[in-house]
Amino acid sequence: MGLHKKYLLYMRKIIMSLTYLTTEELSARIKYDVRTIRNQLKDSVLLEGIHYLRPFGGRKILYVWERIEQDMFQALDAATGLQ
């Protein structure tokens, strides 16, 4: 198996192991109202292709928990000078 194919299989495993959340599930985890996520955070703080995706090009939005959590901790580190 070539190196490129091994890399693609590795990346697929990583992507498939991510945690995808609905807006309601994300709301419960971060303690923000669903409307706040939709109206204020989405597309300003939470960006399509990084923090969320639209499977199959549809209207449904799934948030990627690991990327959101990573950005929350980076912001915390920056605010507390731990960077």
Foldseek 3Di string as FASTA:
>chain_A
DDPVVVVVVVVVVVVVPWDWAFLVRVCVVVVDDSCCCVPPCEPPPQDEPQQWHDPPPDPGIIGGVVRVVVVVVVVVCVVVVVD
